Amino acid sequence: MAPSILAADFAHLADEVRLVEQEADWLHIDVMDNHFVPNLTIGLPVVQSLRPITQLPFDVHLMIDEPRRWAPAYADAGAYNVTFHVEACDNPVALAKDLRAAGAKAGLAIDRDTPIEPYLELLPSFDTLLVMTIKAGFGGQRFLPALLEKVRLARTARESGHLELRIEVDGGIADDTIEQAAQAGADAFVAGTAVYGADDPAAAIRRLRALAASGVVGH
């Protein structure tokens, strides 16, 4: 479970992180540059300032142009996992190597309109595959179930290749969608509004985790 601080109160980020600290597995940090996506969020200084206040692993999602220029700095700042978009990178495997050399896990993100098939052969070079279940760039969008077909294809590739790969889903993940994402093969879940829009974010994570587990069992 990776709650997204994109949906948190930016005036009290440290407090918002502590609200989920006991229940979350990762803290998801959305970095947008107003170029690759039409929105501008937070960047490296926020990651650097949050790093000392929590033990949670940082799951950094770079929705930016030129990830080769910026991504290694997030690894150096202590990110556990740094994910960049295949649409923004001309040599994803080389950047994955750079990230691993800098001490982070390497993640590859596939946006809503990008077919996954051409990139399945790259998966052995990555630790995480992030499948967008919305169009990257804005929080609070409606989940698109048709995009779970990419998750199913990735799961088949993972199983046939015996890969150590996390399949993460991001976008519209909530009580009514997480179970079907887990059934499709996802095993990491980004939830923004569903967690930080709840009266009790920690309880929301517990509920989402239980629903995801029932999806796996159901499968």
N, C-alpha and C. Protein backbone atom coordinates (compact mmCIF):
# COMPACT_ATOMS: atom_id res chain seq x y z
N MET A 1 0.85 -1.19 0.00
CA MET A 1 0.00 0.00 0.00
C MET A 1 0.89 1.25 0.00
N ALA A 2 0.62 2.10 -0.98
CA ALA A 2 1.46 3.30 -1.15
C ALA A 2 0.57 4.54 -1.23
N PRO A 3 0.20 5.12 -0.09
CA PRO A 3 -0.61 6.33 -0.13
C PRO A 3 0.15 7.47 -0.82
N SER A 4 -0.59 8.22 -1.64
CA SER A 4 0.01 9.31 -2.40
C SER A 4 -0.18 10.64 -1.69
N ILE A 5 0.94 11.32 -1.41
CA ILE A 5 0.83 12.61 -0.73
C ILE A 5 0.33 13.71 -1.67
N LEU A 6 0.11 13.38 -2.95
CA LEU A 6 -0.52 14.36 -3.84
C LEU A 6 -1.88 14.79 -3.29
N ALA A 7 -2.54 13.88 -2.56
CA ALA A 7 -3.87 14.16 -2.01
C ALA A 7 -3.81 14.67 -0.56
N ALA A 8 -2.60 14.84 -0.04
CA ALA A 8 -2.45 15.28 1.35
C ALA A 8 -2.50 16.81 1.44
N ASP A 9 -2.51 17.30 2.68
CA ASP A 9 -2.49 18.75 2.93
C ASP A 9 -1.04 19.22 2.88
N PHE A 10 -0.68 19.95 1.81
CA PHE A 10 0.71 20.34 1.62
C PHE A 10 1.21 21.30 2.70
N ALA A 11 0.31 21.95 3.40
CA ALA A 11 0.73 22.86 4.47
C ALA A 11 1.22 22.09 5.70
N HIS A 12 0.88 20.79 5.77
CA HIS A 12 1.23 19.99 6.95
C HIS A 12 1.75 18.63 6.52
N LEU A 13 2.70 18.62 5.59
CA LEU A 13 3.11 17.35 5.00
C LEU A 13 3.69 16.37 6.02
N ALA A 14 4.52 16.85 6.92
CA ALA A 14 5.11 15.94 7.91
C ALA A 14 4.02 15.27 8.75
N ASP A 15 3.03 16.05 9.17
CA ASP A 15 1.91 15.48 9.94
C ASP A 15 1.12 14.49 9.10
N GLU A 16 0.93 14.81 7.83
CA GLU A 16 0.17 13.93 6.94
C GLU A 16 0.90 12.59 6.73
N VAL A 17 2.22 12.65 6.66
CA VAL A 17 3.01 11.42 6.54
C VAL A 17 2.84 10.57 7.80
N ARG A 18 2.86 11.21 8.94
CA ARG A 18 2.74 10.45 10.20
C ARG A 18 1.38 9.80 10.34
N LEU A 19 0.36 10.36 9.73
CA LEU A 19 -0.98 9.76 9.79
C LEU A 19 -1.01 8.37 9.16
N VAL A 20 -0.15 8.12 8.18
CA VAL A 20 -0.18 6.83 7.47
C VAL A 20 1.01 5.94 7.81
N GLU A 21 1.90 6.45 8.64
CA GLU A 21 3.18 5.79 8.87
C GLU A 21 3.06 4.35 9.38
N GLN A 22 2.09 4.11 10.25
CA GLN A 22 1.97 2.79 10.87
C GLN A 22 1.34 1.75 9.93
N GLU A 23 0.67 2.20 8.88
CA GLU A 23 -0.09 1.28 8.03
C GLU A 23 0.46 1.14 6.61
N ALA A 24 1.10 2.18 6.11
CA ALA A 24 1.57 2.16 4.72
C ALA A 24 2.84 1.32 4.59
N ASP A 25 3.07 0.79 3.39
CA ASP A 25 4.32 0.11 3.08
C ASP A 25 5.32 1.07 2.42
N TRP A 26 4.80 1.90 1.56
CA TRP A 26 5.60 2.91 0.88
C TRP A 26 4.86 4.24 0.99
N LEU A 27 5.58 5.34 0.79
CA LEU A 27 4.98 6.65 0.63
C LEU A 27 5.17 7.06 -0.84
N HIS A 28 4.05 7.27 -1.53
CA HIS A 28 4.11 7.56 -2.96
C HIS A 28 4.21 9.07 -3.17
N ILE A 29 5.22 9.49 -3.92
CA ILE A 29 5.48 10.91 -4.12
C ILE A 29 5.43 11.20 -5.62
N ASP A 30 4.43 11.98 -6.02
CA ASP A 30 4.21 12.31 -7.43
C ASP A 30 4.95 13.59 -7.79
N VAL A 31 5.89 13.48 -8.69
CA VAL A 31 6.67 14.63 -9.15
C VAL A 31 6.23 14.96 -10.58
N MET A 32 5.65 16.14 -10.77
CA MET A 32 5.17 16.57 -12.08
C MET A 32 5.82 17.90 -12.45
N ASP A 33 6.15 18.06 -13.73
CA ASP A 33 6.99 19.20 -14.13
C ASP A 33 6.29 20.24 -15.00
N ASN A 34 4.97 20.05 -15.24
CA ASN A 34 4.23 20.99 -16.10
C ASN A 34 4.72 20.95 -17.54
N HIS A 35 5.46 19.90 -17.90
CA HIS A 35 5.86 19.68 -19.30
C HIS A 35 5.37 18.32 -19.77
N PHE A 36 5.87 17.27 -19.12
CA PHE A 36 5.42 15.92 -19.47
C PHE A 36 3.93 15.75 -19.18
N VAL A 37 3.49 16.34 -18.09
CA VAL A 37 2.07 16.39 -17.74
C VAL A 37 1.71 17.85 -17.46
N PRO A 38 0.43 18.21 -17.66
CA PRO A 38 0.04 19.62 -17.51
C PRO A 38 -0.26 19.99 -16.07
N ASN A 39 0.64 19.67 -15.19
CA ASN A 39 0.45 19.99 -13.78
C ASN A 39 1.84 20.12 -13.16
N LEU A 40 1.93 20.87 -12.08
CA LEU A 40 3.20 21.11 -11.40
C LEU A 40 3.01 20.77 -9.94
N THR A 41 3.84 19.86 -9.41
CA THR A 41 3.66 19.48 -8.01
C THR A 41 4.94 19.75 -7.23
N ILE A 42 5.50 18.73 -6.67
CA ILE A 42 6.66 18.87 -5.78
C ILE A 42 7.89 18.25 -6.42
N GLY A 43 9.05 18.56 -5.87
CA GLY A 43 10.28 18.06 -6.44
C GLY A 43 11.28 17.63 -5.38
N LEU A 44 12.53 17.67 -5.78
CA LEU A 44 13.61 17.13 -4.96
C LEU A 44 13.71 17.75 -3.56
N PRO A 45 13.55 19.07 -3.40
CA PRO A 45 13.68 19.63 -2.04
C PRO A 45 12.66 19.05 -1.05
N VAL A 46 11.47 18.75 -1.53
CA VAL A 46 10.45 18.18 -0.64
C VAL A 46 10.85 16.76 -0.23
N VAL A 47 11.34 15.98 -1.20
CA VAL A 47 11.82 14.63 -0.88
C VAL A 47 12.95 14.70 0.14
N GLN A 48 13.88 15.60 -0.08
CA GLN A 48 15.03 15.73 0.83
C GLN A 48 14.57 16.14 2.23
N SER A 49 13.58 17.03 2.32
CA SER A 49 13.15 17.49 3.65
C SER A 49 12.27 16.47 4.36
N LEU A 50 11.55 15.63 3.60
CA LEU A 50 10.73 14.60 4.24
C LEU A 50 11.54 13.39 4.67
N ARG A 51 12.68 13.16 4.00
CA ARG A 51 13.43 11.92 4.26
C ARG A 51 13.81 11.71 5.73
N PRO A 52 14.24 12.74 6.46
CA PRO A 52 14.65 12.51 7.85
C PRO A 52 13.47 12.29 8.81
N ILE A 53 12.24 12.60 8.41
CA ILE A 53 11.14 12.57 9.39
C ILE A 53 10.36 11.26 9.40
N THR A 54 10.70 10.33 8.51
CA THR A 54 9.96 9.07 8.49
C THR A 54 10.85 7.93 8.03
N GLN A 55 10.51 6.73 8.50
CA GLN A 55 11.21 5.52 8.07
C GLN A 55 10.57 4.90 6.82
N LEU A 56 9.41 5.42 6.39
CA LEU A 56 8.72 4.84 5.24
C LEU A 56 9.58 4.90 3.99
N PRO A 57 9.65 3.82 3.22
CA PRO A 57 10.33 3.88 1.93
C PRO A 57 9.60 4.83 0.98
N PHE A 58 10.35 5.63 0.26
CA PHE A 58 9.76 6.59 -0.68
C PHE A 58 9.65 5.96 -2.07
N ASP A 59 8.44 5.98 -2.59
CA ASP A 59 8.12 5.47 -3.91
C ASP A 59 7.89 6.70 -4.79
N VAL A 60 8.95 7.13 -5.50
CA VAL A 60 8.90 8.39 -6.25
C VAL A 60 8.47 8.12 -7.69
N HIS A 61 7.43 8.81 -8.13
CA HIS A 61 6.89 8.64 -9.48
C HIS A 61 7.15 9.92 -10.26
N LEU A 62 8.10 9.83 -11.18
CA LEU A 62 8.52 10.99 -11.95
C LEU A 62 7.68 11.12 -13.22
N MET A 63 6.78 12.08 -13.23
CA MET A 63 6.01 12.40 -14.43
C MET A 63 6.65 13.65 -15.03
N ILE A 64 7.86 13.45 -15.58
CA ILE A 64 8.68 14.58 -16.02
C ILE A 64 9.38 14.25 -17.32
N ASP A 65 9.69 15.30 -18.07
CA ASP A 65 10.58 15.16 -19.21
C ASP A 65 12.02 14.98 -18.71
N GLU A 66 12.85 14.41 -19.56
CA GLU A 66 14.28 14.23 -19.25
C GLU A 66 14.53 13.53 -17.92
N PRO A 67 13.93 12.38 -17.69
CA PRO A 67 14.17 11.71 -16.42
C PRO A 67 15.63 11.32 -16.21
N ARG A 68 16.38 11.12 -17.29
CA ARG A 68 17.80 10.75 -17.11
C ARG A 68 18.56 11.86 -16.41
N ARG A 69 18.11 13.08 -16.61
CA ARG A 69 18.79 14.22 -15.99
C ARG A 69 18.49 14.29 -14.48
N TRP A 70 17.27 13.93 -14.10
CA TRP A 70 16.82 14.19 -12.73
C TRP A 70 16.71 12.94 -11.84
N ALA A 71 16.42 11.80 -12.44
CA ALA A 71 16.06 10.65 -11.63
C ALA A 71 17.15 10.22 -10.64
N PRO A 72 18.43 10.17 -11.03
CA PRO A 72 19.44 9.69 -10.07
C PRO A 72 19.52 10.54 -8.80
N ALA A 73 19.18 11.83 -8.90
CA ALA A 73 19.22 12.68 -7.71
C ALA A 73 18.19 12.24 -6.67
N TYR A 74 17.07 11.68 -7.12
CA TYR A 74 16.07 11.18 -6.17
C TYR A 74 16.57 9.92 -5.48
N ALA A 75 17.30 9.10 -6.21
CA ALA A 75 17.95 7.94 -5.58
C ALA A 75 18.96 8.42 -4.54
N ASP A 76 19.75 9.41 -4.90
CA ASP A 76 20.75 9.95 -3.98
C ASP A 76 20.09 10.56 -2.74
N ALA A 77 18.87 11.07 -2.90
CA ALA A 77 18.16 11.69 -1.77
C ALA A 77 17.50 10.67 -0.86
N GLY A 78 17.66 9.39 -1.20
CA GLY A 78 17.15 8.35 -0.31
C GLY A 78 15.86 7.70 -0.74
N ALA A 79 15.44 7.92 -1.99
CA ALA A 79 14.24 7.23 -2.47
C ALA A 79 14.50 5.73 -2.55
N TYR A 80 13.51 4.96 -2.16
CA TYR A 80 13.61 3.50 -2.23
C TYR A 80 13.40 3.02 -3.66
N ASN A 81 12.42 3.60 -4.31
CA ASN A 81 12.03 3.21 -5.66
C ASN A 81 11.83 4.48 -6.47
N VAL A 82 12.46 4.55 -7.65
CA VAL A 82 12.28 5.71 -8.52
C VAL A 82 11.71 5.21 -9.85
N THR A 83 10.51 5.68 -10.15
CA THR A 83 9.81 5.26 -11.36
C THR A 83 9.73 6.42 -12.34
N PHE A 84 10.06 6.15 -13.61
CA PHE A 84 9.98 7.17 -14.65
C PHE A 84 9.13 6.62 -15.79
N HIS A 85 8.68 7.52 -16.65
CA HIS A 85 7.79 7.12 -17.73
C HIS A 85 8.56 6.73 -18.98
N VAL A 86 8.14 5.60 -19.54
CA VAL A 86 8.78 5.11 -20.76
C VAL A 86 8.58 6.12 -21.89
N GLU A 87 7.48 6.86 -21.86
CA GLU A 87 7.20 7.83 -22.92
C GLU A 87 8.18 9.01 -22.91
N ALA A 88 8.88 9.20 -21.79
CA ALA A 88 9.78 10.35 -21.65
C ALA A 88 11.25 9.99 -21.75
N CYS A 89 11.54 8.72 -22.02
CA CYS A 89 12.94 8.26 -21.94
C CYS A 89 13.32 7.45 -23.17
N ASP A 90 14.44 7.83 -23.78
CA ASP A 90 14.85 7.12 -25.00
C ASP A 90 15.66 5.86 -24.71
N ASN A 91 16.16 5.71 -23.49
CA ASN A 91 16.92 4.50 -23.15
C ASN A 91 16.57 4.07 -21.73
N PRO A 92 15.39 3.46 -21.55
CA PRO A 92 14.94 3.11 -20.22
C PRO A 92 15.87 2.15 -19.48
N VAL A 93 16.47 1.22 -20.21
CA VAL A 93 17.31 0.22 -19.54
C VAL A 93 18.57 0.88 -18.97
N ALA A 94 19.14 1.82 -19.70
CA ALA A 94 20.33 2.53 -19.20
C ALA A 94 20.00 3.32 -17.94
N LEU A 95 18.84 3.97 -17.92
CA LEU A 95 18.46 4.73 -16.74
C LEU A 95 18.18 3.80 -15.56
N ALA A 96 17.58 2.65 -15.84
CA ALA A 96 17.36 1.68 -14.77
C ALA A 96 18.68 1.27 -14.12
N LYS A 97 19.71 1.08 -14.95
CA LYS A 97 21.04 0.72 -14.42
C LYS A 97 21.59 1.85 -13.56
N ASP A 98 21.41 3.10 -14.02
CA ASP A 98 21.89 4.24 -13.25
C ASP A 98 21.20 4.31 -11.88
N LEU A 99 19.90 4.07 -11.87
CA LEU A 99 19.16 4.14 -10.61
C LEU A 99 19.61 3.05 -9.65
N ARG A 100 19.78 1.85 -10.18
CA ARG A 100 20.24 0.75 -9.31
C ARG A 100 21.64 1.03 -8.79
N ALA A 101 22.49 1.60 -9.65
CA ALA A 101 23.85 1.93 -9.21
C ALA A 101 23.83 2.98 -8.11
N ALA A 102 22.81 3.85 -8.13
CA ALA A 102 22.68 4.89 -7.11
C ALA A 102 21.99 4.39 -5.85
N GLY A 103 21.61 3.11 -5.85
CA GLY A 103 21.08 2.51 -4.63
C GLY A 103 19.57 2.43 -4.53
N ALA A 104 18.87 2.74 -5.63
CA ALA A 104 17.41 2.68 -5.61
C ALA A 104 16.90 1.52 -6.46
N LYS A 105 15.66 1.14 -6.24
CA LYS A 105 14.97 0.25 -7.16
C LYS A 105 14.57 1.08 -8.38
N ALA A 106 14.47 0.42 -9.53
CA ALA A 106 14.13 1.10 -10.77
C ALA A 106 12.72 0.72 -11.20
N GLY A 107 11.92 1.75 -11.49
CA GLY A 107 10.55 1.51 -11.90
C GLY A 107 10.26 2.09 -13.28
N LEU A 108 9.44 1.38 -14.04
CA LEU A 108 9.03 1.83 -15.37
C LEU A 108 7.53 2.09 -15.34
N ALA A 109 7.11 3.29 -15.76
CA ALA A 109 5.69 3.64 -15.79
C ALA A 109 5.17 3.66 -17.21
N ILE A 110 3.94 3.16 -17.35
CA ILE A 110 3.26 3.11 -18.65
C ILE A 110 1.98 3.93 -18.52
N ASP A 111 1.85 4.98 -19.31
CA ASP A 111 0.67 5.85 -19.21
C ASP A 111 -0.55 5.22 -19.90
N ARG A 112 -1.68 5.86 -19.69
CA ARG A 112 -2.98 5.32 -20.13
C ARG A 112 -3.00 4.92 -21.59
N ASP A 113 -2.45 5.76 -22.47
CA ASP A 113 -2.61 5.55 -23.90
C ASP A 113 -1.44 4.80 -24.54
N THR A 114 -0.52 4.32 -23.73
CA THR A 114 0.67 3.62 -24.24
C THR A 114 0.46 2.12 -24.17
N PRO A 115 0.58 1.42 -25.30
CA PRO A 115 0.48 -0.05 -25.25
C PRO A 115 1.68 -0.64 -24.50
N ILE A 116 1.43 -1.70 -23.77
CA ILE A 116 2.50 -2.27 -22.94
C ILE A 116 3.34 -3.29 -23.71
N GLU A 117 2.76 -3.88 -24.75
CA GLU A 117 3.44 -5.01 -25.41
C GLU A 117 4.88 -4.71 -25.84
N PRO A 118 5.18 -3.52 -26.40
CA PRO A 118 6.56 -3.28 -26.84
C PRO A 118 7.57 -3.26 -25.69
N TYR A 119 7.09 -3.12 -24.47
CA TYR A 119 8.01 -2.92 -23.34
C TYR A 119 8.12 -4.14 -22.44
N LEU A 120 7.37 -5.18 -22.73
CA LEU A 120 7.42 -6.36 -21.87
C LEU A 120 8.83 -6.95 -21.83
N GLU A 121 9.56 -6.86 -22.94
CA GLU A 121 10.91 -7.45 -22.97
C GLU A 121 11.90 -6.66 -22.11
N LEU A 122 11.52 -5.42 -21.71
CA LEU A 122 12.41 -4.63 -20.85
C LEU A 122 12.26 -4.98 -19.37
N LEU A 123 11.20 -5.69 -19.03
CA LEU A 123 10.87 -5.87 -17.61
C LEU A 123 11.97 -6.53 -16.78
N PRO A 124 12.79 -7.43 -17.33
CA PRO A 124 13.87 -7.99 -16.50
C PRO A 124 14.86 -6.94 -15.97
N SER A 125 14.89 -5.75 -16.59
CA SER A 125 15.80 -4.70 -16.14
C SER A 125 15.21 -3.84 -15.01
N PHE A 126 13.95 -4.13 -14.64
CA PHE A 126 13.25 -3.28 -13.68
C PHE A 126 12.80 -4.04 -12.45
N ASP A 127 12.62 -3.29 -11.37
CA ASP A 127 12.11 -3.84 -10.12
C ASP A 127 10.61 -3.61 -9.96
N THR A 128 10.12 -2.55 -10.61
CA THR A 128 8.72 -2.16 -10.49
C THR A 128 8.17 -1.79 -11.86
N LEU A 129 6.95 -2.20 -12.13
CA LEU A 129 6.22 -1.72 -13.30
C LEU A 129 4.99 -0.99 -12.78
N LEU A 130 4.87 0.27 -13.14
CA LEU A 130 3.73 1.08 -12.71
C LEU A 130 2.78 1.25 -13.89
N VAL A 131 1.59 0.66 -13.77
CA VAL A 131 0.58 0.77 -14.81
C VAL A 131 -0.41 1.85 -14.39
N MET A 132 -0.48 2.90 -15.19
CA MET A 132 -1.45 3.96 -14.90
C MET A 132 -2.85 3.47 -15.23
N THR A 133 -3.78 3.61 -14.28
CA THR A 133 -5.17 3.23 -14.52
C THR A 133 -6.03 4.48 -14.72
N ILE A 134 -5.35 5.59 -15.02
CA ILE A 134 -5.93 6.86 -15.44
C ILE A 134 -4.91 7.50 -16.39
N LYS A 135 -5.19 8.71 -16.83
CA LYS A 135 -4.19 9.49 -17.57
C LYS A 135 -3.30 10.20 -16.56
N ALA A 136 -2.01 10.04 -16.68
CA ALA A 136 -1.08 10.65 -15.72
C ALA A 136 -1.25 12.17 -15.70
N GLY A 137 -1.13 12.75 -14.51
CA GLY A 137 -1.06 14.20 -14.41
C GLY A 137 -1.99 14.86 -13.44
N PHE A 138 -3.06 14.17 -13.04
CA PHE A 138 -4.01 14.78 -12.11
C PHE A 138 -4.52 13.72 -11.14
N GLY A 139 -4.70 14.10 -9.88
CA GLY A 139 -5.33 13.21 -8.92
C GLY A 139 -6.84 13.26 -9.07
N GLY A 140 -7.51 12.28 -8.44
CA GLY A 140 -8.96 12.31 -8.35
C GLY A 140 -9.70 11.86 -9.59
N GLN A 141 -9.01 11.24 -10.58
CA GLN A 141 -9.68 10.78 -11.79
C GLN A 141 -10.37 9.44 -11.57
N ARG A 142 -11.30 9.13 -12.47
CA ARG A 142 -12.04 7.87 -12.39
C ARG A 142 -11.19 6.73 -12.96
N PHE A 143 -11.16 5.63 -12.23
CA PHE A 143 -10.46 4.40 -12.59
C PHE A 143 -10.98 3.85 -13.92
N LEU A 144 -10.05 3.38 -14.77
CA LEU A 144 -10.42 2.83 -16.08
C LEU A 144 -10.14 1.33 -16.10
N PRO A 145 -11.17 0.50 -15.89
CA PRO A 145 -10.96 -0.95 -15.75
C PRO A 145 -10.30 -1.59 -16.96
N ALA A 146 -10.52 -1.04 -18.15
CA ALA A 146 -9.94 -1.64 -19.36
C ALA A 146 -8.41 -1.68 -19.29
N LEU A 147 -7.82 -0.78 -18.53
CA LEU A 147 -6.36 -0.73 -18.45
C LEU A 147 -5.77 -1.88 -17.65
N LEU A 148 -6.63 -2.63 -16.94
CA LEU A 148 -6.14 -3.79 -16.20
C LEU A 148 -5.64 -4.89 -17.14
N GLU A 149 -6.01 -4.82 -18.41
CA GLU A 149 -5.47 -5.80 -19.36
C GLU A 149 -3.95 -5.70 -19.41
N LYS A 150 -3.42 -4.49 -19.26
CA LYS A 150 -1.95 -4.33 -19.21
C LYS A 150 -1.37 -5.04 -17.99
N VAL A 151 -2.08 -4.97 -16.88
CA VAL A 151 -1.62 -5.65 -15.66
C VAL A 151 -1.60 -7.16 -15.90
N ARG A 152 -2.63 -7.67 -16.56
CA ARG A 152 -2.68 -9.12 -16.83
C ARG A 152 -1.52 -9.53 -17.74
N LEU A 153 -1.24 -8.74 -18.75
CA LEU A 153 -0.12 -9.05 -19.65
C LEU A 153 1.21 -9.02 -18.89
N ALA A 154 1.34 -8.03 -18.01
CA ALA A 154 2.58 -7.93 -17.22
C ALA A 154 2.71 -9.11 -16.27
N ARG A 155 1.60 -9.52 -15.67
CA ARG A 155 1.67 -10.66 -14.76
C ARG A 155 2.09 -11.93 -15.51
N THR A 156 1.53 -12.12 -16.71
CA THR A 156 1.92 -13.28 -17.52
C THR A 156 3.42 -13.24 -17.85
N ALA A 157 3.90 -12.04 -18.20
CA ALA A 157 5.34 -11.90 -18.51
C ALA A 157 6.19 -12.17 -17.27
N ARG A 158 5.73 -11.70 -16.13
CA ARG A 158 6.46 -11.92 -14.88
C ARG A 158 6.53 -13.41 -14.56
N GLU A 159 5.41 -14.08 -14.71
CA GLU A 159 5.38 -15.51 -14.37
C GLU A 159 6.20 -16.34 -15.35
N SER A 160 6.07 -16.03 -16.65
CA SER A 160 6.80 -16.83 -17.64
C SER A 160 8.30 -16.57 -17.58
N GLY A 161 8.67 -15.35 -17.17
CA GLY A 161 10.09 -15.02 -17.07
C GLY A 161 10.67 -15.19 -15.69
N HIS A 162 9.83 -15.65 -14.73
CA HIS A 162 10.26 -15.81 -13.33
C HIS A 162 10.93 -14.54 -12.82
N LEU A 163 10.27 -13.42 -13.05
CA LEU A 163 10.86 -12.12 -12.71
C LEU A 163 10.52 -11.73 -11.28
N GLU A 164 11.47 -11.03 -10.65
CA GLU A 164 11.20 -10.36 -9.37
C GLU A 164 10.70 -8.97 -9.73
N LEU A 165 9.41 -8.81 -9.82
CA LEU A 165 8.85 -7.55 -10.31
C LEU A 165 7.59 -7.20 -9.53
N ARG A 166 7.56 -6.01 -9.00
CA ARG A 166 6.32 -5.47 -8.42
C ARG A 166 5.48 -4.88 -9.55
N ILE A 167 4.22 -5.22 -9.57
CA ILE A 167 3.29 -4.59 -10.52
C ILE A 167 2.41 -3.64 -9.73
N GLU A 168 2.60 -2.37 -9.99
CA GLU A 168 1.93 -1.31 -9.22
C GLU A 168 0.86 -0.67 -10.09
N VAL A 169 -0.27 -0.31 -9.48
CA VAL A 169 -1.32 0.40 -10.20
C VAL A 169 -1.53 1.76 -9.52
N ASP A 170 -1.84 2.75 -10.36
CA ASP A 170 -1.96 4.12 -9.87
C ASP A 170 -3.06 4.82 -10.65
N GLY A 171 -4.08 5.26 -9.92
CA GLY A 171 -5.14 6.05 -10.54
C GLY A 171 -6.52 5.52 -10.21
N GLY A 172 -7.24 6.25 -9.38
CA GLY A 172 -8.60 5.85 -9.05
C GLY A 172 -8.70 4.61 -8.19
N ILE A 173 -7.61 4.26 -7.51
CA ILE A 173 -7.64 3.07 -6.64
C ILE A 173 -8.39 3.42 -5.36
N ALA A 174 -9.45 2.67 -5.10
CA ALA A 174 -10.33 2.96 -3.95
C ALA A 174 -11.04 1.67 -3.55
N ASP A 175 -11.95 1.78 -2.59
CA ASP A 175 -12.64 0.59 -2.08
C ASP A 175 -13.32 -0.22 -3.19
N ASP A 176 -13.82 0.47 -4.21
CA ASP A 176 -14.59 -0.23 -5.23
C ASP A 176 -13.76 -0.67 -6.43
N THR A 177 -12.44 -0.43 -6.41
CA THR A 177 -11.60 -0.79 -7.56
C THR A 177 -10.39 -1.64 -7.21
N ILE A 178 -9.96 -1.62 -5.97
CA ILE A 178 -8.68 -2.26 -5.63
C ILE A 178 -8.75 -3.77 -5.77
N GLU A 179 -9.92 -4.34 -5.51
CA GLU A 179 -10.05 -5.80 -5.57
C GLU A 179 -9.82 -6.30 -7.00
N GLN A 180 -10.42 -5.61 -7.98
CA GLN A 180 -10.25 -6.06 -9.37
C GLN A 180 -8.81 -5.84 -9.85
N ALA A 181 -8.15 -4.80 -9.33
CA ALA A 181 -6.74 -4.59 -9.68
C ALA A 181 -5.87 -5.72 -9.13
N ALA A 182 -6.18 -6.15 -7.91
CA ALA A 182 -5.43 -7.28 -7.31
C ALA A 182 -5.70 -8.57 -8.07
N GLN A 183 -6.94 -8.78 -8.47
CA GLN A 183 -7.28 -9.99 -9.24
C GLN A 183 -6.51 -10.03 -10.56
N ALA A 184 -6.31 -8.85 -11.15
CA ALA A 184 -5.60 -8.79 -12.44
C ALA A 184 -4.11 -9.09 -12.29
N GLY A 185 -3.58 -8.95 -11.07
CA GLY A 185 -2.17 -9.25 -10.85
C GLY A 185 -1.35 -8.16 -10.21
N ALA A 186 -1.98 -7.03 -9.88
CA ALA A 186 -1.24 -5.97 -9.20
C ALA A 186 -0.93 -6.37 -7.77
N ASP A 187 0.24 -5.96 -7.29
CA ASP A 187 0.58 -6.25 -5.89
C ASP A 187 1.13 -5.03 -5.16
N ALA A 188 1.02 -3.85 -5.79
CA ALA A 188 1.31 -2.59 -5.11
C ALA A 188 0.26 -1.59 -5.60
N PHE A 189 -0.24 -0.80 -4.66
CA PHE A 189 -1.42 0.02 -4.95
C PHE A 189 -1.19 1.44 -4.46
N VAL A 190 -1.30 2.39 -5.39
CA VAL A 190 -1.20 3.81 -5.04
C VAL A 190 -2.62 4.32 -4.80
N ALA A 191 -2.84 4.93 -3.65
CA ALA A 191 -4.15 5.49 -3.34
C ALA A 191 -3.96 6.88 -2.75
N GLY A 192 -4.55 7.87 -3.38
CA GLY A 192 -4.43 9.25 -2.90
C GLY A 192 -5.68 9.69 -2.18
N THR A 193 -6.70 10.04 -2.97
CA THR A 193 -7.95 10.52 -2.40
C THR A 193 -8.59 9.50 -1.47
N ALA A 194 -8.50 8.21 -1.82
CA ALA A 194 -9.13 7.16 -1.01
C ALA A 194 -8.54 7.10 0.40
N VAL A 195 -7.28 7.54 0.53
CA VAL A 195 -6.63 7.54 1.85
C VAL A 195 -6.76 8.92 2.49
N TYR A 196 -6.26 9.93 1.81
CA TYR A 196 -6.20 11.26 2.43
C TYR A 196 -7.53 12.00 2.40
N GLY A 197 -8.49 11.48 1.62
CA GLY A 197 -9.83 12.06 1.67
C GLY A 197 -10.69 11.44 2.75
N ALA A 198 -10.16 10.40 3.40
CA ALA A 198 -10.92 9.70 4.44
C ALA A 198 -10.76 10.40 5.79
N ASP A 199 -11.74 10.22 6.67
CA ASP A 199 -11.66 10.80 8.02
C ASP A 199 -10.49 10.20 8.78
N ASP A 200 -10.22 8.92 8.55
CA ASP A 200 -9.13 8.22 9.23
C ASP A 200 -8.25 7.55 8.17
N PRO A 201 -7.17 8.22 7.72
CA PRO A 201 -6.35 7.66 6.66
C PRO A 201 -5.77 6.28 6.99
N ALA A 202 -5.37 6.07 8.23
CA ALA A 202 -4.79 4.77 8.61
C ALA A 202 -5.83 3.66 8.46
N ALA A 203 -7.06 3.93 8.90
CA ALA A 203 -8.13 2.93 8.77
C ALA A 203 -8.45 2.68 7.30
N ALA A 204 -8.37 3.74 6.48
CA ALA A 204 -8.63 3.57 5.04
C ALA A 204 -7.60 2.63 4.42
N ILE A 205 -6.34 2.75 4.82
CA ILE A 205 -5.29 1.85 4.29
C ILE A 205 -5.58 0.41 4.72
N ARG A 206 -5.95 0.21 5.98
CA ARG A 206 -6.25 -1.14 6.46
C ARG A 206 -7.39 -1.76 5.64
N ARG A 207 -8.40 -0.96 5.37
CA ARG A 207 -9.55 -1.45 4.61
C ARG A 207 -9.15 -1.79 3.17
N LEU A 208 -8.38 -0.92 2.55
CA LEU A 208 -7.92 -1.17 1.19
C LEU A 208 -7.05 -2.43 1.12
N ARG A 209 -6.20 -2.60 2.12
CA ARG A 209 -5.32 -3.77 2.14
C ARG A 209 -6.15 -5.06 2.22
N ALA A 210 -7.17 -5.04 3.06
CA ALA A 210 -8.03 -6.22 3.21
C ALA A 210 -8.77 -6.52 1.91
N LEU A 211 -9.24 -5.47 1.24
CA LEU A 211 -9.94 -5.67 -0.03
C LEU A 211 -8.99 -6.22 -1.10
N ALA A 212 -7.77 -5.71 -1.14
CA ALA A 212 -6.79 -6.22 -2.10
C ALA A 212 -6.48 -7.69 -1.83
N ALA A 213 -6.35 -8.03 -0.55
CA ALA A 213 -6.06 -9.42 -0.18
C ALA A 213 -7.20 -10.34 -0.61
N SER A 214 -8.44 -9.88 -0.46
CA SER A 214 -9.57 -10.71 -0.87
C SER A 214 -9.59 -10.86 -2.39
N GLY A 215 -9.11 -9.86 -3.11
CA GLY A 215 -9.00 -9.98 -4.56
C GLY A 215 -8.00 -11.05 -4.96
N VAL A 216 -6.88 -11.12 -4.25
CA VAL A 216 -5.87 -12.14 -4.53
C VAL A 216 -6.42 -13.52 -4.22
N VAL A 217 -7.09 -13.65 -3.06
CA VAL A 217 -7.65 -14.93 -2.65
C VAL A 217 -8.73 -15.36 -3.65
N GLY A 218 -9.55 -14.35 -4.05
CA GLY A 218 -10.61 -14.64 -5.01
C GLY A 218 -10.06 -15.15 -6.33
N HIS A 219 -8.86 -14.64 -6.69
CA HIS A 219 -8.26 -15.08 -7.95
C HIS A 219 -7.74 -16.52 -7.78
